[in-house]
Amino acid sequence: MASISPGEDRPGGADRPVGAGESAPGAPLPRRSELARMIDHTLLRPEAVGEEVLALCTEATELGVATVCVAPTHVYLAAAAARRSGPDGTQARSADPAFAVASVIGFPHGTHLTVVKAEEARRAVADGADEIDLVIDLACAMEENWRSIEAEIAEVRLSVPPHVILKVIIESALLPDASIAAACRAAESAGAEFVKTSTGFHPAGGASLRAVRVMRATIGGRLGIKASGGIRTAEQALAFVEAGATRLGMSATRDVLAAVPE
């Protein structure tokens, strides 16, 4: 899904980000620990059980990632695990968890009613989520009903406290460049902190360098950009960072980081 084919342009040196929403031409690519802090270590298989979530959290602490991204039903478990383990693997204070917890809303199809998405977000935060990844109404995107999409994002934004990071999943593989840009503008106008390429579950595909470049051209320096869906190698991860991604969603985190110099 996110593999880089021989015919796809390699990203240039002017597209290397240094933080969420910021990019600096000529900045070096991240080293292993820096890349780890850009990763949402993800487990969203619908059949995943609690034991797997706890293993994900143990690995997250060991690898030093930014967040774990789990289903709403597993937020409480991940949040408790984050509080139990500090960044060095020791017992953590509740104010100093080992990693943040992200959860998905309206996932994976985006067809929930807005009021349901807002309540789902509220409950996820109440259970311990620090970040919310919201799937937009894909039918509205196909119809170019950006006003409706902006209104929905704004309602979910208002449903959670200001410190909670809101990422908007636009399922970019479905959309032409103009619609990717329009979706990004709607997310920005509605108060989101990030735009995100993909759920990783849609048959149209996952993240692409093309989509990330369009997102960066539209909102780079103001919102963060999360590439997610099909990132399985260090080459792919670093290419997405070069293209403008400031956060990466993946489940193959250990293998990716093992191939990046420290």
Protein backbone atom coordinates (compact mmCIF):
# COMPACT_ATOMS: atom_id res chain seq x y z
CA MET A 1 0.00 0.00 0.00
CA ALA A 2 2.66 2.46 0.96
CA SER A 3 5.45 0.81 -1.00
CA ILE A 4 7.50 3.12 -3.18
CA SER A 5 7.49 1.94 -6.77
CA PRO A 6 10.35 2.67 -9.17
CA GLY A 7 8.11 5.12 -11.01
CA GLU A 8 7.22 7.19 -7.93
CA ASP A 9 9.26 10.32 -7.32
CA ARG A 10 11.59 10.29 -4.38
CA PRO A 11 11.00 13.19 -1.99
CA GLY A 12 13.45 16.07 -2.12
CA GLY A 13 15.61 17.61 0.56
CA ALA A 14 13.34 20.62 1.06
CA ASP A 15 10.57 18.41 2.45
CA ARG A 16 12.12 17.27 5.74
CA PRO A 17 10.02 18.14 8.82
CA VAL A 18 11.45 18.84 12.26
CA GLY A 19 8.28 18.71 14.33
CA ALA A 20 4.52 18.50 14.29
CA GLY A 21 3.49 21.10 11.77
CA GLU A 22 6.99 22.49 11.18
CA SER A 23 9.42 21.74 8.40
CA ALA A 24 12.91 22.98 7.78
CA PRO A 25 14.64 22.71 4.38
CA GLY A 26 17.92 20.86 4.59
CA ALA A 27 17.34 19.35 8.04
CA PRO A 28 18.84 15.86 8.41
CA LEU A 29 16.62 12.80 8.48
CA PRO A 30 15.82 11.55 11.99
CA ARG A 31 17.99 9.06 13.81
CA ARG A 32 16.41 6.02 15.46
CA SER A 33 15.35 7.65 18.73
CA GLU A 34 14.06 10.73 16.90
CA LEU A 35 12.05 8.62 14.48
CA ALA A 36 10.63 6.60 17.39
CA ARG A 37 9.21 9.81 18.87
CA MET A 38 7.29 10.35 15.61
CA ILE A 39 5.57 6.94 15.70
CA ASP A 40 2.07 5.92 16.76
CA HIS A 41 2.65 2.24 17.59
CA THR A 42 -0.62 0.74 16.38
CA LEU A 43 -2.86 -2.23 17.10
CA LEU A 44 -6.31 -1.93 15.54
CA ARG A 45 -7.13 -5.46 14.45
CA PRO A 46 -10.73 -6.01 15.55
CA GLU A 47 -9.91 -9.41 17.06
CA ALA A 48 -6.96 -8.11 19.15
CA VAL A 49 -7.23 -9.14 22.80
CA GLY A 50 -6.09 -7.48 26.01
CA GLU A 51 -2.90 -9.53 26.25
CA GLU A 52 -1.85 -8.20 22.84
CA VAL A 53 -2.57 -4.62 23.90
CA LEU A 54 -0.38 -5.05 26.98
CA ALA A 55 2.40 -6.49 24.82
CA LEU A 56 2.06 -3.47 22.49
CA CYS A 57 2.43 -1.15 25.49
CA THR A 58 5.49 -2.98 26.80
CA GLU A 59 7.07 -2.67 23.36
CA ALA A 60 6.10 1.01 23.17
CA THR A 61 7.98 1.71 26.40
CA GLU A 62 11.02 -0.20 25.19
CA LEU A 63 11.10 1.53 21.80
CA GLY A 64 10.38 5.06 23.03
CA VAL A 65 7.49 5.82 20.68
CA ALA A 66 5.18 8.83 20.83
CA THR A 67 1.91 6.92 21.35
CA VAL A 68 0.13 3.64 21.17
CA CYS A 69 -2.96 3.76 18.96
CA VAL A 70 -5.69 1.35 20.02
CA ALA A 71 -9.43 0.83 19.65
CA PRO A 72 -11.73 2.68 22.08
CA THR A 73 -12.40 -0.57 23.95
CA HIS A 74 -8.69 -0.84 24.81
CA VAL A 75 -7.97 2.77 25.81
CA TYR A 76 -8.38 2.16 29.55
CA LEU A 77 -5.94 -0.76 29.39
CA ALA A 78 -3.32 1.18 27.43
CA ALA A 79 -3.65 4.26 29.65
CA ALA A 80 -3.11 2.16 32.77
CA ALA A 81 -0.06 0.52 31.20
CA ALA A 82 1.38 3.93 30.25
CA ARG A 83 1.08 5.10 33.86
CA ARG A 84 2.71 1.96 35.22
CA SER A 85 5.87 2.24 33.09
CA GLY A 86 8.07 5.32 32.92
CA PRO A 87 10.29 6.14 29.93
CA ASP A 88 13.15 4.14 31.46
CA GLY A 89 10.93 1.15 32.18
CA THR A 90 10.61 1.92 35.90
CA GLN A 91 7.43 2.68 37.81
CA ALA A 92 6.00 5.93 36.44
CA ARG A 93 4.24 8.78 38.17
CA SER A 94 0.73 9.31 36.83
CA ALA A 95 1.87 12.71 35.50
CA ASP A 96 4.78 11.15 33.61
CA PRO A 97 3.51 8.22 31.52
CA ALA A 98 5.84 6.31 29.23
CA PHE A 99 3.80 7.16 26.13
CA ALA A 100 0.60 8.89 25.12
CA VAL A 101 -2.54 6.98 24.16
CA ALA A 102 -4.37 7.58 20.88
CA SER A 103 -7.68 6.08 19.85
CA VAL A 104 -9.78 5.98 16.70
CA ILE A 105 -13.27 7.44 16.27
CA GLY A 106 -15.81 6.58 13.57
CA PHE A 107 -13.42 3.82 12.59
CA PRO A 108 -12.86 2.53 9.99
CA HIS A 109 -15.61 3.74 7.62
CA GLY A 110 -16.51 7.18 9.01
CA THR A 111 -20.24 6.45 8.68
CA HIS A 112 -21.19 7.02 12.32
CA LEU A 113 -23.54 9.92 13.03
CA THR A 114 -21.68 13.01 14.18
CA VAL A 115 -23.31 12.88 17.63
CA VAL A 116 -22.05 9.29 17.98
CA LYS A 117 -18.52 10.29 16.97
CA ALA A 118 -18.55 13.13 19.50
CA GLU A 119 -19.71 10.84 22.29
CA GLU A 120 -17.18 8.19 21.28
CA ALA A 121 -14.43 10.82 21.51
CA ARG A 122 -15.63 12.01 24.93
CA ARG A 123 -15.66 8.49 26.30
CA ALA A 124 -12.22 7.69 24.89
CA VAL A 125 -10.78 10.75 26.60
CA ALA A 126 -12.55 9.86 29.84
CA ASP A 127 -10.90 6.43 29.64
CA GLY A 128 -7.45 8.01 29.22
CA ALA A 129 -6.94 8.90 25.55
CA ASP A 130 -4.61 11.85 24.89
CA GLU A 131 -5.17 11.90 21.12
CA ILE A 132 -8.16 11.20 18.89
CA ASP A 133 -7.94 9.97 15.28
CA LEU A 134 -11.28 10.79 13.62
CA VAL A 135 -12.44 9.28 10.33
CA ILE A 136 -14.34 11.82 8.23
CA ASP A 137 -17.61 11.03 6.45
CA LEU A 138 -16.13 9.61 3.25
CA ALA A 139 -19.37 10.00 1.29
CA CYS A 140 -19.29 13.73 2.03
CA ALA A 141 -15.71 13.84 0.75
CA MET A 142 -16.69 12.08 -2.45
CA GLU A 143 -19.51 14.62 -2.88
CA GLU A 144 -17.11 17.48 -2.03
CA ASN A 145 -19.38 18.54 0.82
CA TRP A 146 -16.58 20.21 2.75
CA ARG A 147 -18.92 22.37 4.82
CA SER A 148 -20.50 19.27 6.33
CA ILE A 149 -17.08 17.72 6.97
CA GLU A 150 -15.83 20.88 8.65
CA ALA A 151 -18.94 21.05 10.85
CA GLU A 152 -18.50 17.44 11.95
CA ILE A 153 -14.82 17.90 12.79
CA ALA A 154 -15.65 21.06 14.73
CA GLU A 155 -18.29 19.23 16.78
CA VAL A 156 -15.87 16.47 17.71
CA ARG A 157 -13.19 19.07 18.49
CA LEU A 158 -15.60 20.78 20.91
CA SER A 159 -16.50 17.48 22.54
CA VAL A 160 -13.02 16.97 24.05
CA PRO A 161 -10.74 19.24 26.09
CA PRO A 162 -8.39 21.63 24.25
CA HIS A 163 -5.27 19.71 25.28
CA VAL A 164 -6.44 16.57 23.45
CA ILE A 165 -4.84 16.29 20.01
CA LEU A 166 -7.32 15.74 17.17
CA LYS A 167 -6.13 14.02 14.00
CA VAL A 168 -8.46 13.88 10.99
CA ILE A 169 -8.29 10.77 8.78
CA ILE A 170 -9.20 11.68 5.20
CA GLU A 171 -8.63 8.30 3.45
CA SER A 172 -6.41 10.00 0.89
CA ALA A 173 -6.14 6.99 -1.46
CA LEU A 174 -9.77 7.63 -2.43
CA LEU A 175 -9.28 11.30 -3.26
CA PRO A 176 -7.77 13.38 -6.07
CA ASP A 177 -5.24 16.03 -5.08
CA ALA A 178 -7.78 18.86 -5.04
CA SER A 179 -10.00 16.96 -2.61
CA ILE A 180 -7.04 16.07 -0.37
CA ALA A 181 -6.22 19.77 -0.16
CA ALA A 182 -9.86 20.68 0.50
CA ALA A 183 -10.12 18.09 3.28
CA CYS A 184 -6.97 19.51 4.87
CA ARG A 185 -8.40 23.03 4.78
CA ALA A 186 -11.63 21.80 6.39
CA ALA A 187 -9.67 20.10 9.16
CA GLU A 188 -7.64 23.24 9.80
CA SER A 189 -10.72 25.49 9.84
CA ALA A 190 -12.44 23.13 12.30
CA GLY A 191 -9.56 23.25 14.79
CA ALA A 192 -7.80 19.92 14.24
CA GLU A 193 -4.10 19.59 15.06
CA PHE A 194 -3.23 16.92 12.46
CA VAL A 195 -4.41 15.51 9.17
CA LYS A 196 -3.87 11.80 8.58
CA THR A 197 -3.76 9.89 5.31
CA SER A 198 -5.53 6.62 5.98
CA THR A 199 -7.18 4.11 8.26
CA GLY A 200 -5.11 1.30 6.76
CA PHE A 201 -8.33 -0.70 6.33
CA HIS A 202 -9.75 0.70 3.08
CA PRO A 203 -9.29 -1.35 -0.11
CA ALA A 204 -8.27 1.81 -1.99
CA GLY A 205 -4.93 1.67 -0.16
CA GLY A 206 -2.93 3.39 2.54
CA ALA A 207 -0.47 6.26 2.66
CA SER A 208 1.28 7.56 -0.45
CA LEU A 209 4.06 10.06 -0.95
CA ARG A 210 1.82 11.93 -3.38
CA ALA A 211 -0.85 12.48 -0.73
CA VAL A 212 1.65 13.55 1.94
CA ARG A 213 3.21 16.09 -0.43
CA VAL A 214 -0.23 17.57 -1.20
CA MET A 215 -1.02 17.73 2.52
CA ARG A 216 2.28 19.45 3.24
CA ALA A 217 1.76 21.96 0.46
CA THR A 218 -1.68 22.77 1.88
CA ILE A 219 -1.15 22.93 5.65
CA GLY A 220 2.55 22.24 6.27
CA GLY A 221 3.92 24.35 9.12
CA ARG A 222 0.45 24.82 10.65
CA LEU A 223 -0.87 21.29 11.22
CA GLY A 224 0.92 18.02 11.73
CA ILE A 225 0.76 15.35 9.03
CA LYS A 226 0.37 11.69 9.89
CA ALA A 227 1.14 9.04 7.27
CA SER A 228 -0.46 5.71 8.08
CA GLY A 229 -1.35 2.53 6.26
CA GLY A 230 1.19 0.13 4.79
CA ILE A 231 4.43 1.53 6.28
CA ARG A 232 6.52 -1.56 6.93
CA THR A 233 10.16 -0.65 6.21
CA ALA A 234 12.66 1.98 7.29
CA GLU A 235 12.99 3.10 3.67
CA GLN A 236 9.28 3.81 3.51
CA ALA A 237 9.21 5.55 6.90
CA LEU A 238 12.09 7.88 6.06
CA ALA A 239 10.66 8.62 2.62
CA PHE A 240 7.41 9.75 4.24
CA VAL A 241 9.32 11.95 6.65
CA GLU A 242 11.16 13.50 3.70
CA ALA A 243 7.84 14.08 1.96
CA GLY A 244 6.49 15.99 4.96
CA ALA A 245 5.05 13.55 7.50
CA THR A 246 5.55 14.59 11.11
CA ARG A 247 3.89 11.49 12.58
CA LEU A 248 3.84 7.88 11.33
CA GLY A 249 1.28 5.19 12.16
CA MET A 250 2.53 1.62 11.97
CA SER A 251 2.50 -1.79 13.59
CA ALA A 252 5.92 -2.91 12.25
CA THR A 253 7.65 -0.41 14.54
CA ARG A 254 10.38 -2.67 15.88
CA ASP A 255 11.49 -3.83 12.44
CA VAL A 256 11.44 -0.29 11.07
CA LEU A 257 13.49 1.19 13.92
CA ALA A 258 16.00 -1.66 13.86
CA ALA A 259 16.99 -0.58 10.34
CA VAL A 260 17.52 3.10 11.25
CA PRO A 261 20.93 4.25 12.58
CA GLU A 262 21.04 5.50 16.18
